[in-house]
Amino acid sequence: MDVDLLKNLATIACEAAISDGAEFADVGAWDTRSLAVDIRANTIKSCDASRHAAISVRAIYRGGTGWSSTDEMDEGSAIKAGKKAAALAKVAEPDPDFISLVAPAENYPEVPGLADPAIETMDIRRIIKYAVENIDSALAVSSEAIVEGGFSAQYNASAIVNSLGVSLGKESSRIGGYTMVVIRRGDDVGSFYDFDSARVLEDFAPDGIGARVAQKALKFLGARKIETQRMPIILGPIAASSIFNSIVLNADAEEVQRGRSFMAGKVGEKIASDIITITDDPLIPRGLASRPWDLEGAPSKPLIVVENGVLKTYLYSSYTAGKAKVAITGHGTRGGNAVPSNIVPKLGSMTSEEIIRSTKHGLYIDIGGIVPNSTTGDVSRTVDFGFVIENGELAYPVASTMIGGNFLDMLKNVDAISSDYREEPGNIMPTIRIQDVLVAGGR
C-alpha cells in the first residue's frame, strides 16, 4: 500500500470525525511488512513473513479524547472509525488543559536514508542466512555454545493527517539482529550478547556477531564475588548509552507534569557533571531514530537537552506544550508523551583504553547499564556483565553484584567520557567513568 493511499484513507477518517462533531481530529495510517527469524538452542525455531496495516483515529471534543482503529483498509471502514472516535470523544471527560493539535508547518526537513528499497524487496532466505551464519560462527569458537537470538527486517509506509491541515507521509525501513551465547561448564556459566541494526542494508554488518559474542561469553566464565565497597565504575559503550538515554527519557514533559519524573522542576538547574552535553538530533542521515516530523506531524529539529550539566528543556508533545504554554519540541506522540530520536553526547578527550588504564581499582560494566526509577531517581541494578579493574586492567568477571545510589548523584560524579565510541547509525555511544559508586557484592 503506497503513501498516497494511506494519506487518502487518513483524510477520509479525519473528515468523518469532524463531520460527526469532533472539534479536532488526527489520524495515523500505516502498512508494515516484516520478516523475522527466531533462533533457539542453536537452531532456527521459526520464520515469519507478515504484513499489518491499520488506521487509528483520535478525536477530541472539549479536550476529551476518543480513539478508534481498524485494520480494514477501505473507505467505508475509515469513515466508521472516524465516526466512532467522534462519538467516544463527546462522552469522554472534558480536559481544560488541551489547547490544540499540531498546525501544519511551512517547511519540513528532508532526512536522507530513511528507506531502502533493498530491504523492501528482501527475501526471508537472506534473513535465515544471517541467522545460520551467526550460529555457525559462535559454534566455531566453542562447541559448548548455546545460541539464542533473532534477525528481522521491516519496511513501513505511514501517514499522519489532522483537521488543522497536516497531511504527511513517508516510507521507512529497518534491519537488525542480535545473538546471545550461553556456555555452561558444570555450575559455571558464561554468557554475552551483541547486536547490529541499520536503516539501510549497506550499514548492516551482522557478520561475526556470533563469534564475538562466544569469545566474550568465555571470558565471563569463572566469575567471582566481591566485597561491598564504593569505587569508580566504567560503563562500556552499550552500558553507557543507558545513562544518556535515561536522562532524555526522563525529560518527557508528560511524566513531569504528572509528577512521575525525578526531573520535575529541574530545567535550568545543574543535574550532571560539566562534561555532559546531550543533543537529541532527529536529522542524522540514515539514523535509526531519524525522522522529518514527530508522530503528531510537528517538524523535527535538533534539540540540546543538557548543556554542560544543565538541563535546558523538557521534550513536549502538542498537549504538554499547550498545558505548559511553551513551544512544541517535535517529540510528540498522539498519546501525549514524548519520544526521543538519536541521542548524541559530547565526546571527551581520553580514549576508552586510557580511561580504564587510569583507573587503579574499579568495576567495568560491559552491557546492561544503569536505569533509574523514573519517579525517585533511585538506582538499584544487578551487574550481569562486569569485570573488576585492577591496576588499570580488566582482571576477572564478577558474580552476584549490584549497583545502588541516586541517579542524579551519579551524573554529578561522571568525570570522564571517551573520545572514541561505538556507533549504531545515528547513535553515538562512548565509554564513561563515574566516581564513588556503591557496589554491593554477594555473600
Protein backbone atom coordinates (compact mmCIF):
# COMPACT_ATOMS: atom_id res chain seq x y z
CA MET A 1 0.00 0.00 0.00
CA ASP A 2 1.52 3.31 -1.03
CA VAL A 3 1.78 6.51 0.99
CA ASP A 4 -0.77 8.43 -1.10
CA LEU A 5 -3.42 5.78 -0.49
CA LEU A 6 -2.70 5.87 3.24
CA LYS A 7 -3.00 9.67 3.27
CA ASN A 8 -6.29 9.43 1.41
CA LEU A 9 -7.76 6.93 3.89
CA ALA A 10 -6.49 9.01 6.82
CA THR A 11 -8.10 12.14 5.34
CA ILE A 12 -11.43 10.34 4.92
CA ALA A 13 -11.36 9.16 8.54
CA CYS A 14 -10.40 12.61 9.80
CA GLU A 15 -13.20 14.32 7.86
CA ALA A 16 -15.69 11.75 9.19
CA ALA A 17 -14.70 12.53 12.77
CA ILE A 18 -15.09 16.28 12.27
CA SER A 19 -18.40 15.91 10.41
CA ASP A 20 -19.73 13.94 13.38
CA GLY A 21 -18.95 16.69 15.87
CA ALA A 22 -15.32 16.34 16.90
CA GLU A 23 -13.60 19.70 17.38
CA PHE A 24 -10.19 18.30 16.46
CA ALA A 25 -9.06 15.01 14.96
CA ASP A 26 -5.88 13.37 13.78
CA VAL A 27 -5.39 10.05 12.05
CA GLY A 28 -2.39 7.78 11.71
CA ALA A 29 -2.35 5.13 8.99
CA TRP A 30 0.37 2.62 8.26
CA ASP A 31 1.25 -0.51 6.34
CA THR A 32 4.17 -2.59 7.61
CA ARG A 33 5.79 -5.65 6.06
CA SER A 34 8.06 -7.72 8.28
CA LEU A 35 10.40 -10.68 8.01
CA ALA A 36 11.67 -12.38 11.17
CA VAL A 37 13.75 -15.40 12.11
CA ASP A 38 13.93 -16.68 15.69
CA ILE A 39 16.95 -18.64 16.99
CA ARG A 40 16.61 -21.04 19.91
CA ALA A 41 19.17 -23.60 21.14
CA ASN A 42 21.36 -23.41 18.02
CA THR A 43 18.52 -23.92 15.57
CA ILE A 44 16.08 -21.84 13.59
CA LYS A 45 12.93 -22.14 15.67
CA SER A 46 10.62 -20.09 13.45
CA CYS A 47 10.44 -17.92 10.36
CA ASP A 48 7.72 -15.36 9.86
CA ALA A 49 6.68 -13.12 7.00
CA SER A 50 3.83 -10.81 7.95
CA ARG A 51 2.02 -7.69 6.91
CA HIS A 52 -0.02 -5.41 9.13
CA ALA A 53 -1.97 -2.32 8.16
CA ALA A 54 -4.20 -0.14 10.29
CA ILE A 55 -5.95 3.21 10.66
CA SER A 56 -6.03 4.91 14.08
CA VAL A 57 -8.29 7.91 14.76
CA ARG A 58 -8.00 10.32 17.66
CA ALA A 59 -10.99 12.67 18.00
CA ILE A 60 -11.17 15.49 20.56
CA TYR A 61 -14.23 17.29 21.92
CA ARG A 62 -13.86 19.86 24.73
CA GLY A 63 -10.47 18.32 25.42
CA GLY A 64 -11.95 14.85 25.90
CA THR A 65 -10.45 12.20 23.67
CA GLY A 66 -11.98 9.30 21.79
CA TRP A 67 -9.99 6.63 19.99
CA SER A 68 -10.97 4.17 17.31
CA SER A 69 -8.99 1.94 14.97
CA THR A 70 -9.46 -0.56 12.20
CA ASP A 71 -7.31 -2.92 10.20
CA GLU A 72 -9.77 -2.84 7.30
CA MET A 73 -8.10 -0.55 4.78
CA ASP A 74 -11.06 0.76 2.79
CA GLU A 75 -13.05 4.00 2.71
CA GLY A 76 -16.09 2.61 4.49
CA SER A 77 -14.01 1.31 7.41
CA ALA A 78 -12.13 4.62 7.60
CA ILE A 79 -15.43 6.51 7.86
CA LYS A 80 -16.73 4.16 10.57
CA ALA A 81 -13.54 4.58 12.58
CA GLY A 82 -13.76 8.38 12.34
CA LYS A 83 -17.41 8.46 13.41
CA LYS A 84 -16.80 6.09 16.32
CA ALA A 85 -13.88 8.16 17.61
CA ALA A 86 -16.03 11.30 17.49
CA ALA A 87 -18.84 9.61 19.39
CA LEU A 88 -16.44 8.45 22.10
CA ALA A 89 -14.86 11.92 22.37
CA LYS A 90 -18.26 13.51 23.06
CA VAL A 91 -18.83 11.27 26.09
CA ALA A 92 -15.24 11.48 27.35
CA GLU A 93 -14.31 13.58 30.38
CA PRO A 94 -13.54 17.15 29.20
CA ASP A 95 -9.95 18.25 29.66
CA PRO A 96 -9.41 22.02 30.04
CA ASP A 97 -5.64 21.57 29.62
CA PHE A 98 -6.00 20.59 25.96
CA ILE A 99 -5.27 23.57 23.70
CA SER A 100 -4.75 22.38 20.12
CA LEU A 101 -3.27 19.80 17.82
CA VAL A 102 -0.22 20.50 15.68
CA ALA A 103 -0.64 23.09 12.93
CA PRO A 104 0.99 22.43 9.56
CA ALA A 105 4.48 23.86 9.09
CA GLU A 106 5.66 25.84 6.07
CA ASN A 107 8.65 23.54 5.65
CA TYR A 108 9.60 20.09 6.83
CA PRO A 109 13.22 18.90 6.82
CA GLU A 110 14.46 16.24 4.45
CA VAL A 111 16.33 13.35 6.05
CA PRO A 112 18.19 11.09 3.59
CA GLY A 113 18.41 7.35 4.02
CA LEU A 114 15.23 6.54 5.94
CA ALA A 115 14.02 3.89 3.48
CA ASP A 116 15.99 1.33 1.48
CA PRO A 117 14.30 -0.45 -1.45
CA ALA A 118 16.75 -3.34 -0.96
CA ILE A 119 15.05 -4.06 2.38
CA GLU A 120 11.58 -3.70 0.87
CA THR A 121 12.32 -6.45 -1.66
CA MET A 122 14.34 -8.69 0.66
CA ASP A 123 13.66 -12.43 0.66
CA ILE A 124 13.38 -14.22 4.02
CA ARG A 125 16.08 -16.63 2.89
CA ARG A 126 18.57 -13.83 3.36
CA ILE A 127 17.42 -13.32 6.95
CA ILE A 128 17.76 -17.06 7.53
CA LYS A 129 21.29 -16.88 6.13
CA TYR A 130 22.27 -14.20 8.67
CA ALA A 131 20.94 -16.36 11.49
CA VAL A 132 22.64 -19.57 10.35
CA GLU A 133 25.99 -17.85 9.80
CA ASN A 134 25.94 -16.44 13.33
CA ILE A 135 25.06 -19.80 14.85
CA ASP A 136 27.94 -21.38 12.93
CA SER A 137 30.43 -18.64 13.85
CA ALA A 138 29.59 -18.99 17.56
CA LEU A 139 29.99 -22.78 17.44
CA ALA A 140 33.32 -22.38 15.64
CA VAL A 141 34.59 -20.52 18.73
CA SER A 142 33.13 -23.00 21.21
CA SER A 143 31.25 -26.24 20.57
CA GLU A 144 29.67 -25.70 24.02
CA ALA A 145 27.90 -22.54 22.87
CA ILE A 146 24.13 -22.38 23.19
CA VAL A 147 22.97 -19.74 20.74
CA GLU A 148 19.77 -17.69 21.01
CA GLY A 149 18.71 -14.63 19.08
CA GLY A 150 16.83 -13.27 16.13
CA PHE A 151 17.11 -11.33 12.89
CA SER A 152 14.41 -9.22 11.27
CA ALA A 153 13.67 -6.65 8.58
CA GLN A 154 10.76 -4.22 8.26
CA TYR A 155 9.53 -1.86 5.58
CA ASN A 156 6.87 0.67 6.52
CA ALA A 157 4.68 3.22 4.79
CA SER A 158 2.86 5.69 7.05
CA ALA A 159 0.76 8.82 7.02
CA ILE A 160 -0.43 11.40 9.57
CA VAL A 161 -3.35 13.72 8.81
CA ASN A 162 -5.15 16.15 11.11
CA SER A 163 -8.07 18.55 11.00
CA LEU A 164 -5.80 21.63 11.02
CA GLY A 165 -4.27 20.74 7.67
CA VAL A 166 -1.35 18.47 8.46
CA SER A 167 -1.05 15.85 5.71
CA LEU A 168 2.23 13.95 5.67
CA GLY A 169 3.50 10.58 4.53
CA LYS A 170 6.78 8.72 4.39
CA GLU A 171 8.42 5.35 3.94
CA SER A 172 10.99 3.84 6.29
CA SER A 173 12.97 0.65 6.71
CA ARG A 174 14.96 -1.15 9.36
CA ILE A 175 17.02 -4.30 9.59
CA GLY A 176 18.65 -5.78 12.67
CA GLY A 177 19.62 -8.79 14.66
CA TYR A 178 21.03 -9.93 17.96
CA THR A 179 22.84 -13.02 19.18
CA MET A 180 23.19 -14.31 22.72
CA VAL A 181 25.55 -17.12 23.67
CA VAL A 182 25.47 -19.13 26.88
CA ILE A 183 28.34 -21.51 27.78
CA ARG A 184 27.88 -23.91 30.70
CA ARG A 185 30.64 -25.86 32.42
CA GLY A 186 29.05 -27.57 35.37
CA ASP A 187 27.75 -24.86 37.68
CA ASP A 188 29.84 -22.23 35.92
CA VAL A 189 28.01 -20.15 33.32
CA GLY A 190 29.38 -17.53 30.95
CA SER A 191 27.13 -15.52 28.66
CA PHE A 192 27.08 -12.44 26.49
CA TYR A 193 25.05 -10.81 23.73
CA ASP A 194 25.52 -8.25 20.98
CA PHE A 195 23.54 -6.77 18.12
CA ASP A 196 23.62 -4.72 14.97
CA SER A 197 20.90 -2.66 13.29
CA ALA A 198 20.53 -0.19 10.45
CA ARG A 199 18.11 1.77 8.31
CA VAL A 200 19.74 0.72 5.05
CA LEU A 201 21.23 -2.61 4.06
CA GLU A 202 24.62 -1.09 3.33
CA ASP A 203 25.04 -0.12 7.01
CA PHE A 204 24.08 -3.56 8.35
CA ALA A 205 27.09 -5.63 9.48
CA PRO A 206 25.92 -8.91 11.05
CA ASP A 207 28.99 -10.91 10.09
CA GLY A 208 30.88 -12.31 13.06
CA ILE A 209 28.44 -11.26 15.79
CA GLY A 210 28.13 -14.88 16.90
CA ALA A 211 31.90 -15.36 17.09
CA ARG A 212 32.45 -12.13 19.05
CA VAL A 213 29.68 -12.99 21.48
CA ALA A 214 31.02 -16.52 22.04
CA GLN A 215 34.50 -15.15 22.73
CA LYS A 216 33.08 -12.74 25.29
CA ALA A 217 30.93 -15.45 26.89
CA LEU A 218 34.07 -17.49 27.53
CA LYS A 219 35.60 -14.51 29.33
CA PHE A 220 32.67 -14.42 31.74
CA LEU A 221 33.34 -17.95 32.99
CA GLY A 222 34.84 -18.09 36.46
CA ALA A 223 33.00 -15.06 37.85
CA ARG A 224 33.83 -14.18 41.48
CA LYS A 225 32.02 -12.43 44.29
CA ILE A 226 33.47 -9.17 45.58
CA GLU A 227 33.20 -7.18 48.80
CA THR A 228 30.72 -4.33 49.13
CA GLN A 229 32.56 -1.05 48.65
CA ARG A 230 32.49 2.37 47.00
CA MET A 231 34.53 2.60 43.83
CA PRO A 232 34.63 4.13 40.37
CA ILE A 233 32.66 2.32 37.71
CA ILE A 234 33.34 2.44 33.99
CA LEU A 235 30.50 1.82 31.59
CA GLY A 236 31.35 0.44 28.17
CA PRO A 237 29.56 1.91 25.12
CA ILE A 238 26.34 -0.14 25.34
CA ALA A 239 26.08 0.25 29.10
CA ALA A 240 26.92 3.96 28.94
CA SER A 241 24.14 4.58 26.43
CA SER A 242 21.70 3.74 29.23
CA ILE A 243 22.90 6.84 31.11
CA PHE A 244 22.28 9.25 28.23
CA ASN A 245 19.02 7.54 27.25
CA SER A 246 17.73 7.71 30.84
CA ILE A 247 18.42 11.43 31.04
CA VAL A 248 16.47 12.20 27.89
CA LEU A 249 13.64 9.71 28.52
CA ASN A 250 13.00 11.20 31.95
CA ALA A 251 12.82 14.68 30.47
CA ASP A 252 9.42 13.78 28.99
CA ALA A 253 7.12 16.68 29.85
CA GLU A 254 4.10 14.39 30.30
CA GLU A 255 5.83 12.44 33.08
CA VAL A 256 6.99 15.71 34.65
CA GLN A 257 3.51 17.26 34.55
CA ARG A 258 2.00 14.13 36.10
CA GLY A 259 4.57 14.15 38.91
CA ARG A 260 6.13 10.90 37.74
CA SER A 261 9.65 12.08 36.88
CA PHE A 262 12.57 12.91 39.14
CA MET A 263 13.39 15.63 36.58
CA ALA A 264 10.43 17.74 37.69
CA GLY A 265 11.44 21.33 38.40
CA LYS A 266 14.97 20.78 37.12
CA VAL A 267 15.00 22.88 33.92
CA GLY A 268 17.75 25.48 34.27
CA GLU A 269 19.38 23.54 37.09
CA LYS A 270 22.65 21.67 37.08
CA ILE A 271 21.78 17.97 37.11
CA ALA A 272 25.08 16.49 35.95
CA SER A 273 28.81 16.92 35.59
CA ASP A 274 30.11 19.83 33.49
CA ILE A 275 31.33 17.40 30.85
CA ILE A 276 27.84 16.12 30.00
CA THR A 277 26.19 17.73 26.99
CA ILE A 278 23.47 15.83 25.13
CA THR A 279 21.78 16.69 21.85
CA ASP A 280 18.68 14.95 20.54
CA ASP A 281 19.20 15.01 16.76
CA PRO A 282 16.45 13.61 14.52
CA LEU A 283 18.03 14.79 11.26
CA ILE A 284 21.06 12.49 11.02
CA PRO A 285 21.07 10.76 7.61
CA ARG A 286 20.34 7.02 7.95
CA GLY A 287 19.90 7.40 11.71
CA LEU A 288 17.91 4.66 13.39
CA ALA A 289 15.66 7.19 15.12
CA SER A 290 15.85 9.92 12.48
CA ARG A 291 12.59 11.48 11.30
CA PRO A 292 11.43 14.60 9.43
CA TRP A 293 8.45 15.01 11.79
CA ASP A 294 7.19 13.53 15.02
CA LEU A 295 4.20 11.21 15.42
CA GLU A 296 1.81 14.19 15.54
CA GLY A 297 3.22 15.89 12.45
CA ALA A 298 5.35 18.58 14.10
CA PRO A 299 8.61 19.21 12.19
CA SER A 300 11.75 17.74 13.71
CA LYS A 301 14.87 19.68 14.64
CA PRO A 302 17.97 19.12 16.81
CA LEU A 303 17.45 19.94 20.49
CA ILE A 304 20.09 20.42 23.19
CA VAL A 305 18.63 18.68 26.23
CA VAL A 306 21.61 19.02 28.59
CA GLU A 307 24.44 21.54 28.19
CA ASN A 308 27.50 21.47 30.42
CA GLY A 309 25.48 19.56 33.01
CA VAL A 310 22.47 21.92 32.97
CA LEU A 311 19.03 20.61 31.96
CA LYS A 312 17.90 23.00 29.23
CA THR A 313 14.43 21.74 28.35
CA TYR A 314 11.82 19.03 28.54
CA LEU A 315 10.51 17.19 25.49
CA TYR A 316 6.99 18.33 24.57
CA SER A 317 4.03 17.00 22.61
CA SER A 318 1.21 19.28 21.46
CA TYR A 319 -0.76 18.52 24.64
CA THR A 320 2.05 19.05 27.14
CA ALA A 321 3.31 22.13 25.30
CA GLY A 322 -0.16 23.64 25.36
CA LYS A 323 -0.51 22.86 29.04
CA ALA A 324 2.86 24.46 29.83
CA LYS A 325 2.34 27.33 27.36
CA VAL A 326 5.63 26.63 25.57
CA ALA A 327 6.62 25.65 22.05
CA ILE A 328 6.34 22.08 20.77
CA THR A 329 9.79 20.49 20.51
CA GLY A 330 8.97 17.93 17.80
CA HIS A 331 8.94 14.84 20.02
CA GLY A 332 5.22 14.26 20.41
CA THR A 333 3.11 11.15 20.08
CA ARG A 334 -0.63 11.00 19.63
CA GLY A 335 -0.84 9.56 23.15
CA GLY A 336 0.57 12.75 24.69
CA ASN A 337 4.01 11.56 25.74
CA ALA A 338 7.32 12.42 24.08
CA VAL A 339 9.72 10.13 22.23
CA PRO A 340 13.42 10.99 21.76
CA SER A 341 15.28 10.49 18.49
CA ASN A 342 19.03 9.99 18.05
CA ILE A 343 20.82 10.76 21.32
CA VAL A 344 24.25 12.28 20.77
CA PRO A 345 26.52 13.03 23.78
CA LYS A 346 29.51 15.37 23.57
CA LEU A 347 32.75 13.39 23.50
CA GLY A 348 35.70 13.77 25.85
CA SER A 349 39.47 13.80 25.36
CA MET A 350 40.57 10.36 26.69
CA THR A 351 40.18 7.11 24.78
CA SER A 352 38.24 4.30 26.42
CA GLU A 353 41.52 2.41 26.89
CA GLU A 354 43.06 5.42 28.64
CA ILE A 355 40.07 5.71 30.96
CA ILE A 356 40.47 2.07 32.01
CA ARG A 357 44.26 2.33 32.34
CA SER A 358 43.95 5.39 34.57
CA THR A 359 41.62 3.55 36.98
CA LYS A 360 43.62 1.72 39.65
CA HIS A 361 40.66 -0.16 41.15
CA GLY A 362 37.06 -0.20 39.97
CA LEU A 363 34.30 -2.02 38.15
CA TYR A 364 33.85 -2.20 34.39
CA ILE A 365 30.30 -2.84 33.12
CA ASP A 366 30.20 -4.10 29.56
CA ILE A 367 26.48 -4.25 28.88
CA GLY A 368 23.34 -3.79 30.96
CA GLY A 369 23.80 -0.28 32.23
CA ILE A 370 22.05 1.94 34.76
CA VAL A 371 18.34 2.71 34.58
CA PRO A 372 16.85 4.75 37.45
CA ASN A 373 13.39 4.60 38.96
CA SER A 374 11.56 7.22 36.92
CA THR A 375 9.76 8.74 39.90
CA THR A 376 12.50 8.80 42.54
CA GLY A 377 15.71 8.62 40.53
CA ASP A 378 16.95 5.80 42.73
CA VAL A 379 19.17 3.15 41.18
CA SER A 380 19.32 -0.50 42.15
CA ARG A 381 20.67 -2.64 39.33
CA THR A 382 22.21 -6.06 39.03
CA VAL A 383 25.55 -6.24 37.24
CA ASP A 384 25.39 -9.25 34.94
CA PHE A 385 28.33 -8.43 32.70
CA GLY A 386 31.03 -6.78 34.81
CA PHE A 387 34.78 -7.06 35.41
CA VAL A 388 36.87 -5.93 38.34
CA ILE A 389 39.55 -3.44 37.30
CA GLU A 390 42.92 -3.87 39.00
CA ASN A 391 45.88 -1.64 38.17
CA GLY A 392 44.23 -0.36 35.02
CA GLU A 393 43.31 -3.74 33.56
CA LEU A 394 40.21 -5.93 33.43
CA ALA A 395 41.09 -8.62 35.97
CA TYR A 396 38.16 -11.04 36.36
CA PRO A 397 34.35 -11.17 35.95
CA VAL A 398 32.08 -10.51 38.90
CA ALA A 399 29.13 -12.51 40.24
CA SER A 400 26.16 -11.54 42.46
CA THR A 401 26.96 -7.83 42.23
CA MET A 402 24.67 -4.80 42.32
CA ILE A 403 24.94 -1.04 41.98
CA GLY A 404 22.95 1.31 44.20
CA GLY A 405 22.53 5.03 44.71
CA ASN A 406 20.78 8.05 43.25
CA PHE A 407 20.95 8.73 39.53
CA LEU A 408 21.45 12.49 39.85
CA ASP A 409 24.30 11.94 42.31
CA MET A 410 25.89 9.56 39.81
CA LEU A 411 25.54 12.09 36.98
CA LYS A 412 27.39 14.70 39.01
CA ASN A 413 30.22 12.20 39.59
CA VAL A 414 30.87 11.50 35.90
CA ASP A 415 34.49 12.53 35.39
CA ALA A 416 35.39 11.03 32.02
CA ILE A 417 33.71 10.49 28.64
CA SER A 418 35.77 8.81 25.95
CA SER A 419 36.79 10.33 22.63
CA ASP A 420 36.21 7.03 20.83
CA TYR A 421 32.81 5.39 20.63
CA ARG A 422 30.60 2.70 19.18
CA GLU A 423 28.10 3.95 16.64
CA GLU A 424 24.79 2.42 15.71
CA PRO A 425 23.51 4.63 12.88
CA GLY A 426 22.68 7.98 14.42
CA ASN A 427 23.52 6.97 18.00
CA ILE A 428 26.92 7.79 19.47
CA MET A 429 27.94 5.55 22.39
CA PRO A 430 31.18 6.47 24.20
CA THR A 431 32.63 4.92 27.36
CA ILE A 432 32.13 6.86 30.62
CA ARG A 433 33.50 6.75 34.16
CA ILE A 434 31.56 7.56 37.34
CA GLN A 435 33.40 8.08 40.60
CA ASP A 436 32.32 6.95 44.11
CA VAL A 437 29.53 4.48 43.32
CA LEU A 438 28.21 1.98 45.84
CA VAL A 439 28.90 -1.54 44.57
CA ALA A 440 27.28 -4.29 46.63
CA GLY A 441 28.98 -7.65 46.47
CA GLY A 442 27.38 -11.02 47.12
CA ARG A 443 27.86 -13.04 50.29
